[in-house]
């Protein structure tokens, strides 16, 4: 298991979303199928993000534009990653945040 103090380990079965801060997209919905660990796939993201978790899609994954806006609206505090876009401050959030994010992935209609 990773020893990075700023990470809170995830557990199997938690809901997860992928943030592509390069194009400000939030992709989801996923369910974790492993605990967080270091370098599960060392070559992923050119090795820049060693803390990883294995996931499976819950339904067909959707990509939402305006990820920073969606995350802020869900109550997630953001910070600017050096040389990149806005990213969440932390990784694990209360159920109210998950509920808000899930509602963003519901089809309109």
C-alpha atoms as a PDB file:
ATOM      1  CA  UNK A   1       0.000   0.000   0.000  1.00  0.00           C
ATOM      2  CA  UNK A   2       1.194   3.509  -0.668  1.00  0.00           C
ATOM      3  CA  UNK A   3       2.558   5.565   2.195  1.00  0.00           C
ATOM      4  CA  UNK A   4       1.677   8.962   0.748  1.00  0.00           C
ATOM      5  CA  UNK A   5       0.206  10.809   3.751  1.00  0.00           C
ATOM      6  CA  UNK A   6      -2.065  13.045   1.670  1.00  0.00           C
ATOM      7  CA  UNK A   7      -3.996  10.111   0.235  1.00  0.00           C
ATOM      8  CA  UNK A   8      -6.879   8.422   1.955  1.00  0.00           C
ATOM      9  CA  UNK A   9      -6.994   4.806   0.796  1.00  0.00           C
ATOM     10  CA  UNK A  10     -10.043   3.733  -1.159  1.00  0.00           C
ATOM     11  CA  UNK A  11     -11.774   0.416  -0.594  1.00  0.00           C
ATOM     12  CA  UNK A  12     -13.243  -2.039  -3.047  1.00  0.00           C
ATOM     13  CA  UNK A  13     -16.808  -1.232  -4.056  1.00  0.00           C
ATOM     14  CA  UNK A  14     -16.595   2.564  -3.777  1.00  0.00           C
ATOM     15  CA  UNK A  15     -17.887   4.730  -6.617  1.00  0.00           C
ATOM     16  CA  UNK A  16     -15.224   6.572  -8.575  1.00  0.00           C
ATOM     17  CA  UNK A  17     -14.878   9.128 -11.361  1.00  0.00           C
ATOM     18  CA  UNK A  18     -11.932   9.889 -13.647  1.00  0.00           C
ATOM     19  CA  UNK A  19     -10.915  13.528 -14.004  1.00  0.00           C
ATOM     20  CA  UNK A  20      -9.153  14.457 -17.235  1.00  0.00           C
ATOM     21  CA  UNK A  21      -7.963  17.902 -16.225  1.00  0.00           C
ATOM     22  CA  UNK A  22      -6.236  18.378 -19.582  1.00  0.00           C
ATOM     23  CA  UNK A  23      -9.598  18.734 -21.329  1.00  0.00           C
ATOM     24  CA  UNK A  24     -11.737  19.511 -18.223  1.00  0.00           C
ATOM     25  CA  UNK A  25     -13.799  16.317 -18.490  1.00  0.00           C
ATOM     26  CA  UNK A  26     -15.205  14.129 -15.748  1.00  0.00           C
ATOM     27  CA  UNK A  27     -15.724  10.499 -16.789  1.00  0.00           C
ATOM     28  CA  UNK A  28     -17.828   7.987 -14.905  1.00  0.00           C
ATOM     29  CA  UNK A  29     -19.338   6.180 -13.296  1.00  0.00           C
ATOM     30  CA  UNK A  30     -16.917   3.498 -12.060  1.00  0.00           C
ATOM     31  CA  UNK A  31     -16.741   1.130  -9.089  1.00  0.00           C
ATOM     32  CA  UNK A  32     -13.413   0.314  -7.468  1.00  0.00           C
ATOM     33  CA  UNK A  33     -12.396  -3.347  -7.635  1.00  0.00           C
ATOM     34  CA  UNK A  34      -9.113  -3.007  -5.743  1.00  0.00           C
ATOM     35  CA  UNK A  35      -7.739  -0.886  -2.939  1.00  0.00           C
ATOM     36  CA  UNK A  36      -5.560   2.094  -3.864  1.00  0.00           C
ATOM     37  CA  UNK A  37      -1.920   1.162  -4.319  1.00  0.00           C
ATOM     38  CA  UNK A  38       1.217   2.466  -5.974  1.00  0.00           C
ATOM     39  CA  UNK A  39       1.988   1.763  -9.628  1.00  0.00           C
ATOM     40  CA  UNK A  40      -0.665  -0.844 -10.389  1.00  0.00           C
ATOM     41  CA  UNK A  41       0.039   0.068 -14.028  1.00  0.00           C
ATOM     42  CA  UNK A  42       3.441   1.840 -13.874  1.00  0.00           C
ATOM     43  CA  UNK A  43       3.272   3.121 -17.472  1.00  0.00           C
ATOM     44  CA  UNK A  44      -0.186   4.704 -17.015  1.00  0.00           C
ATOM     45  CA  UNK A  45      -0.160   8.489 -17.504  1.00  0.00           C
ATOM     46  CA  UNK A  46       3.578   8.259 -18.264  1.00  0.00           C
ATOM     47  CA  UNK A  47       4.211   7.399 -14.613  1.00  0.00           C
ATOM     48  CA  UNK A  48       3.089  10.835 -13.392  1.00  0.00           C
ATOM     49  CA  UNK A  49       0.329   9.462 -11.127  1.00  0.00           C
ATOM     50  CA  UNK A  50       1.617   6.420  -9.252  1.00  0.00           C
ATOM     51  CA  UNK A  51      -1.309   6.123  -6.813  1.00  0.00           C
ATOM     52  CA  UNK A  52      -3.909   4.088  -8.652  1.00  0.00           C
ATOM     53  CA  UNK A  53      -6.978   1.923  -8.151  1.00  0.00           C
ATOM     54  CA  UNK A  54      -8.511  -0.667 -10.456  1.00  0.00           C
ATOM     55  CA  UNK A  55     -12.084   0.078 -11.542  1.00  0.00           C
ATOM     56  CA  UNK A  56     -14.956  -1.347 -13.553  1.00  0.00           C
ATOM     57  CA  UNK A  57     -17.575   0.690 -15.378  1.00  0.00           C
ATOM     58  CA  UNK A  58     -21.053   0.977 -13.890  1.00  0.00           C
ATOM     59  CA  UNK A  59     -23.045   1.046 -17.109  1.00  0.00           C
ATOM     60  CA  UNK A  60     -21.664   2.832 -20.141  1.00  0.00           C
ATOM     61  CA  UNK A  61     -19.136   5.502 -19.057  1.00  0.00           C
ATOM     62  CA  UNK A  62     -20.078   9.082 -19.890  1.00  0.00           C
ATOM     63  CA  UNK A  63     -17.786  12.088 -20.272  1.00  0.00           C
ATOM     64  CA  UNK A  64     -19.002  15.431 -18.937  1.00  0.00           C
ATOM     65  CA  UNK A  65     -17.436  18.671 -20.167  1.00  0.00           C
ATOM     66  CA  UNK A  66     -16.883  21.393 -17.568  1.00  0.00           C
ATOM     67  CA  UNK A  67     -15.489  19.070 -14.899  1.00  0.00           C
ATOM     68  CA  UNK A  68     -14.238  21.867 -12.634  1.00  0.00           C
ATOM     69  CA  UNK A  69     -17.683  23.469 -12.608  1.00  0.00           C
ATOM     70  CA  UNK A  70     -19.354  20.097 -11.900  1.00  0.00           C
ATOM     71  CA  UNK A  71     -16.953  19.301  -9.062  1.00  0.00           C
ATOM     72  CA  UNK A  72     -17.396  22.734  -7.470  1.00  0.00           C
ATOM     73  CA  UNK A  73     -21.190  22.438  -7.715  1.00  0.00           C
ATOM     74  CA  UNK A  74     -20.980  19.080  -5.923  1.00  0.00           C
ATOM     75  CA  UNK A  75     -19.101  20.719  -3.049  1.00  0.00           C
ATOM     76  CA  UNK A  76     -15.593  19.515  -3.835  1.00  0.00           C
ATOM     77  CA  UNK A  77     -12.832  22.006  -3.011  1.00  0.00           C
ATOM     78  CA  UNK A  78     -10.353  22.418  -5.876  1.00  0.00           C
ATOM     79  CA  UNK A  79      -6.713  23.429  -6.169  1.00  0.00           C
ATOM     80  CA  UNK A  80      -4.574  24.268  -9.173  1.00  0.00           C
ATOM     81  CA  UNK A  81      -2.088  21.537 -10.032  1.00  0.00           C
ATOM     82  CA  UNK A  82       1.213  23.043 -11.103  1.00  0.00           C
ATOM     83  CA  UNK A  83       1.367  23.097 -14.887  1.00  0.00           C
ATOM     84  CA  UNK A  84      -2.156  21.739 -15.232  1.00  0.00           C
ATOM     85  CA  UNK A  85      -5.771  22.456 -14.435  1.00  0.00           C
ATOM     86  CA  UNK A  86      -7.914  22.355 -11.342  1.00  0.00           C
ATOM     87  CA  UNK A  87      -8.010  19.123  -9.329  1.00  0.00           C
ATOM     88  CA  UNK A  88      -9.857  18.087  -6.160  1.00  0.00           C
ATOM     89  CA  UNK A  89      -8.303  18.629  -2.745  1.00  0.00           C
ATOM     90  CA  UNK A  90      -8.415  15.008  -1.657  1.00  0.00           C
ATOM     91  CA  UNK A  91     -10.023  11.885  -3.048  1.00  0.00           C
ATOM     92  CA  UNK A  92     -12.646  10.590  -0.639  1.00  0.00           C
ATOM     93  CA  UNK A  93     -15.779  12.653  -0.045  1.00  0.00           C
ATOM     94  CA  UNK A  94     -19.035  12.244   1.895  1.00  0.00           C
ATOM     95  CA  UNK A  95     -22.128  10.588   0.453  1.00  0.00           C
ATOM     96  CA  UNK A  96     -23.722  13.988  -0.285  1.00  0.00           C
ATOM     97  CA  UNK A  97     -20.927  14.732  -2.763  1.00  0.00           C
ATOM     98  CA  UNK A  98     -21.297  11.330  -4.421  1.00  0.00           C
ATOM     99  CA  UNK A  99     -25.049  11.894  -4.734  1.00  0.00           C
ATOM    100  CA  UNK A 100     -24.461  15.293  -6.372  1.00  0.00           C
ATOM    101  CA  UNK A 101     -21.958  13.828  -8.837  1.00  0.00           C
ATOM    102  CA  UNK A 102     -24.258  10.926  -9.701  1.00  0.00           C
ATOM    103  CA  UNK A 103     -27.055  13.385 -10.480  1.00  0.00           C
ATOM    104  CA  UNK A 104     -24.747  15.125 -12.968  1.00  0.00           C
ATOM    105  CA  UNK A 105     -24.416  11.823 -14.849  1.00  0.00           C
ATOM    106  CA  UNK A 106     -28.164  11.198 -15.101  1.00  0.00           C
ATOM    107  CA  UNK A 107     -29.504  11.653 -18.614  1.00  0.00           C
ATOM    108  CA  UNK A 108     -31.622  14.757 -19.109  1.00  0.00           C
ATOM    109  CA  UNK A 109     -35.232  14.154 -19.813  1.00  0.00           C
END
